[in-house]
Protein backbone atom coordinates (compact mmCIF):
# COMPACT_ATOMS: atom_id res chain seq x y z
CA MET A 1 25.08 8.17 20.52
CA LYS A 2 24.86 8.71 16.77
CA LYS A 3 26.33 5.24 16.11
CA LEU A 4 23.81 3.66 18.49
CA THR A 5 20.92 5.43 16.77
CA THR A 6 22.20 4.35 13.35
CA LEU A 7 22.55 0.76 14.56
CA ILE A 8 19.02 0.73 15.99
CA ILE A 9 17.56 2.15 12.75
CA ALA A 10 19.48 -0.42 10.68
CA LEU A 11 18.21 -3.26 12.88
CA LEU A 12 14.62 -2.00 12.62
CA ILE A 13 14.82 -1.77 8.84
CA ALA A 14 16.26 -5.29 8.67
CA ALA A 15 13.51 -6.60 10.96
CA LEU A 16 10.80 -4.91 8.89
CA ALA A 17 12.26 -6.19 5.62
CA ALA A 18 12.38 -9.69 7.07
CA GLY A 19 8.67 -9.44 7.80
CA CYS A 20 7.89 -9.65 4.10
CA ALA A 21 10.80 -11.89 3.12
CA LYS A 22 10.04 -15.23 1.56
CA VAL A 23 9.59 -18.02 4.06
CA ASN A 24 10.27 -21.58 2.93
CA SER A 25 7.65 -23.86 4.39
CA PRO A 26 6.17 -27.14 3.20
CA GLU A 27 2.61 -25.79 3.10
CA PRO A 28 1.40 -22.44 1.75
CA GLU A 29 0.27 -19.98 4.39
CA THR A 30 -2.93 -17.99 4.33
CA GLN A 31 -3.85 -15.23 6.68
CA THR A 32 -6.82 -13.90 8.59
CA GLN A 33 -7.02 -10.34 9.77
CA PRO A 34 -3.67 -9.51 8.25
CA GLN A 35 -3.90 -6.03 9.68
CA THR A 36 -0.22 -5.38 10.13
CA THR A 37 1.27 -2.41 11.87
CA GLN A 38 4.79 -1.31 11.08
CA THR A 39 6.31 1.06 13.62
CA GLU A 40 9.81 1.72 14.88
CA SER A 41 9.05 0.03 18.19
CA GLU A 42 7.09 -2.97 16.91
CA SER A 43 7.87 -5.70 14.43
CA ILE A 44 5.46 -6.86 11.78
CA SER A 45 2.82 -9.26 13.10
CA GLU A 46 0.50 -11.53 11.19
CA THR A 47 -2.20 -14.07 11.98
CA GLU A 48 -2.06 -17.16 9.82
CA THR A 49 -5.37 -18.70 8.74
CA GLU A 50 -7.84 -17.95 5.95
CA ALA A 51 -7.57 -14.58 4.20
CA PRO A 52 -10.60 -12.26 4.34
CA SER A 53 -12.15 -10.94 1.14
CA ALA A 54 -11.19 -7.42 0.17
CA ALA A 55 -13.91 -4.80 0.61
CA ASP A 56 -14.95 -3.45 -2.78
CA PHE A 57 -15.22 0.26 -3.50
CA THR A 58 -15.37 2.72 -6.38
CA VAL A 59 -12.89 5.56 -6.93
CA LEU A 60 -12.15 7.95 -9.78
CA ASP A 61 -9.16 7.57 -12.09
CA GLU A 62 -7.13 10.51 -13.42
CA GLU A 63 -9.73 11.14 -16.14
CA GLU A 64 -12.46 11.01 -13.46
CA ASN A 65 -13.88 7.68 -14.69
CA GLU A 66 -15.29 5.38 -12.01
CA ILE A 67 -13.12 2.33 -11.27
CA LYS A 68 -14.14 -0.53 -8.93
CA LEU A 69 -11.44 -2.39 -7.02
CA SER A 70 -13.08 -5.68 -8.05
CA SER A 71 -12.47 -4.82 -11.73
CA LEU A 72 -8.74 -5.31 -11.03
CA TYR A 73 -9.04 -8.84 -9.58
CA GLY A 74 -7.08 -11.46 -11.50
CA LYS A 75 -3.68 -10.15 -10.51
CA PRO A 76 -2.37 -8.78 -7.22
CA THR A 77 -3.15 -5.17 -6.29
CA VAL A 78 -1.30 -2.79 -4.01
CA ILE A 79 -3.61 -0.11 -2.56
CA HIS A 80 -1.98 2.89 -0.93
CA PHE A 81 -4.02 5.65 0.70
CA TRP A 82 -2.20 8.98 0.79
CA SER A 83 -2.61 12.72 0.98
CA THR A 84 -0.46 15.66 -0.04
CA LYS A 85 -0.78 16.85 3.58
CA GLN A 86 1.07 13.85 5.08
CA LYS A 87 4.71 14.43 6.06
CA SER A 88 6.19 11.32 4.43
CA VAL A 89 4.26 11.55 1.17
CA LYS A 90 7.17 12.33 -1.17
CA THR A 91 9.40 9.62 0.29
CA GLU A 92 6.75 6.91 0.07
CA LEU A 93 5.46 7.90 -3.35
CA GLU A 94 9.03 7.79 -4.65
CA PHE A 95 9.21 4.12 -3.54
CA PHE A 96 6.05 3.38 -5.53
CA ASN A 97 7.35 5.38 -8.49
CA GLU A 98 10.58 3.33 -8.51
CA LEU A 99 8.81 -0.04 -8.21
CA TYR A 100 5.89 0.65 -10.55
CA PRO A 101 7.84 0.14 -13.83
CA GLU A 102 9.38 -3.06 -12.45
CA TYR A 103 6.01 -4.67 -11.66
CA GLU A 104 3.72 -2.96 -14.17
CA GLY A 105 1.67 -5.65 -15.89
CA GLU A 106 2.14 -8.14 -13.03
CA VAL A 107 0.68 -6.08 -10.20
CA ASN A 108 -2.00 -3.37 -10.13
CA PHE A 109 -0.94 -0.21 -8.33
CA MET A 110 -3.89 1.72 -6.91
CA LEU A 111 -2.56 4.81 -5.16
CA ILE A 112 -5.62 6.55 -3.78
CA HIS A 113 -5.51 10.20 -2.86
CA LEU A 114 -7.97 10.99 -0.09
CA THR A 115 -9.65 14.10 -1.47
CA ASP A 116 -12.08 14.47 1.46
CA ARG A 117 -15.06 15.30 -0.74
CA ASP A 118 -13.30 18.42 -1.97
CA LYS A 119 -12.96 18.66 -5.75
CA GLU A 120 -10.31 21.34 -5.23
CA ASN A 121 -8.10 18.73 -3.48
CA LEU A 122 -8.43 16.55 -6.57
CA PHE A 123 -6.94 19.32 -8.73
CA ARG A 124 -4.15 19.98 -6.20
CA ALA A 125 -3.31 16.27 -6.13
CA LYS A 126 -3.13 16.11 -9.93
CA ALA A 127 -0.79 19.13 -9.93
CA PHE A 128 1.30 17.48 -7.19
CA MET A 129 1.65 14.33 -9.33
CA LEU A 130 2.77 16.34 -12.37
CA ASP A 131 5.15 18.54 -10.39
CA ASN A 132 6.91 15.48 -8.92
CA GLY A 133 7.00 13.42 -12.14
CA TYR A 134 5.18 10.39 -10.72
CA THR A 135 4.25 7.85 -13.39
CA PHE A 136 2.09 5.37 -11.47
CA PRO A 137 -1.71 5.55 -11.78
CA VAL A 138 -3.43 7.69 -9.18
CA TYR A 139 -7.04 7.40 -8.07
CA PHE A 140 -9.25 9.75 -6.09
CA ASP A 141 -11.62 8.87 -3.25
CA LEU A 142 -13.87 11.89 -3.71
CA ASN A 143 -16.87 10.46 -1.83
CA GLY A 144 -14.88 8.69 0.91
CA GLU A 145 -16.11 5.21 -0.07
CA ALA A 146 -12.65 3.57 -0.18
CA LYS A 147 -11.56 5.29 3.03
CA LYS A 148 -14.68 4.01 4.80
CA ALA A 149 -14.37 0.48 3.34
CA TYR A 150 -10.93 0.08 4.96
CA GLY A 151 -11.43 2.22 8.05
CA VAL A 152 -8.67 4.63 7.08
CA GLU A 153 -8.35 7.29 9.74
CA LYS A 154 -4.69 8.21 9.50
CA LYS A 155 -2.56 8.20 6.40
CA PRO A 156 -0.66 6.41 5.01
CA VAL A 157 -2.24 2.96 4.75
CA THR A 158 -1.01 0.26 2.37
CA ILE A 159 -3.07 -2.86 1.63
CA PHE A 160 -1.98 -5.82 -0.47
CA ILE A 161 -4.80 -7.70 -2.24
CA ASP A 162 -4.08 -11.05 -3.90
CA GLY A 163 -5.31 -11.89 -7.40
CA LYS A 164 -8.37 -13.65 -5.97
CA GLY A 165 -9.55 -10.49 -4.19
CA ASN A 166 -8.41 -11.40 -0.68
CA VAL A 167 -6.54 -9.16 1.73
CA PHE A 168 -2.96 -10.41 1.85
CA LYS A 169 -1.37 -7.84 4.21
CA GLU A 170 -2.15 -4.41 5.58
CA PHE A 171 0.09 -1.67 6.98
CA LYS A 172 -1.45 1.26 8.82
CA THR A 173 1.72 3.33 8.92
CA GLU A 174 4.54 4.42 6.64
CA ILE A 175 6.06 1.66 4.55
CA THR A 176 9.68 1.26 3.53
CA LYS A 177 10.84 0.33 0.05
CA PRO A 178 12.29 -3.06 1.15
CA VAL A 179 9.03 -4.00 2.87
CA LEU A 180 6.97 -2.82 -0.12
CA LYS A 181 9.11 -4.80 -2.56
CA GLY A 182 9.21 -7.86 -0.27
CA CYS A 183 5.44 -7.94 0.10
CA ILE A 184 4.94 -7.59 -3.66
CA GLU A 185 7.38 -10.47 -4.28
CA GLN A 186 5.72 -12.62 -1.63
CA MET A 187 2.28 -11.92 -3.09
CA LEU A 188 3.49 -12.88 -6.59
CA ASP A 189 4.97 -16.13 -5.26
CA ASN A 190 1.69 -17.26 -3.66
């Protein structure tokens, strides 16, 4: 039974990683409604047409300065909504922490802690970042503007925005490191 479970998990990981693998095709692909769900029972699905524009929002950086998503356009951006209360937070944030130095300068990383209008959560999140040694930039959605712009109800959510400010892909579930890296690579190749 353990071997069967291990085999199923390995196949799912391979299928998910393939979802963001490079695809050689004669014409570039664009996407509409790239809302992609990654679960153990479903494979990644995408609709291929024109990409929708990313919804703009303002969040606070670590020094509590206001930052607009649109100020980062010009290079791809990975947005990840998270909370210290979510079960998988340390695993996922470690993936981002490992990939951030590799892509820093080429890709914007916008990891947004959902503070739920509670300034105390902002301080707990900052302490959490320090305690775990994360080096990527963290942002805070104190007024819920970013959460509302993307309809985030459950965490985590990861959204890939191309350099032109269009939604490239969206995952409304946990993301694996191979899928994260594959999507970043695919976004850089387009």
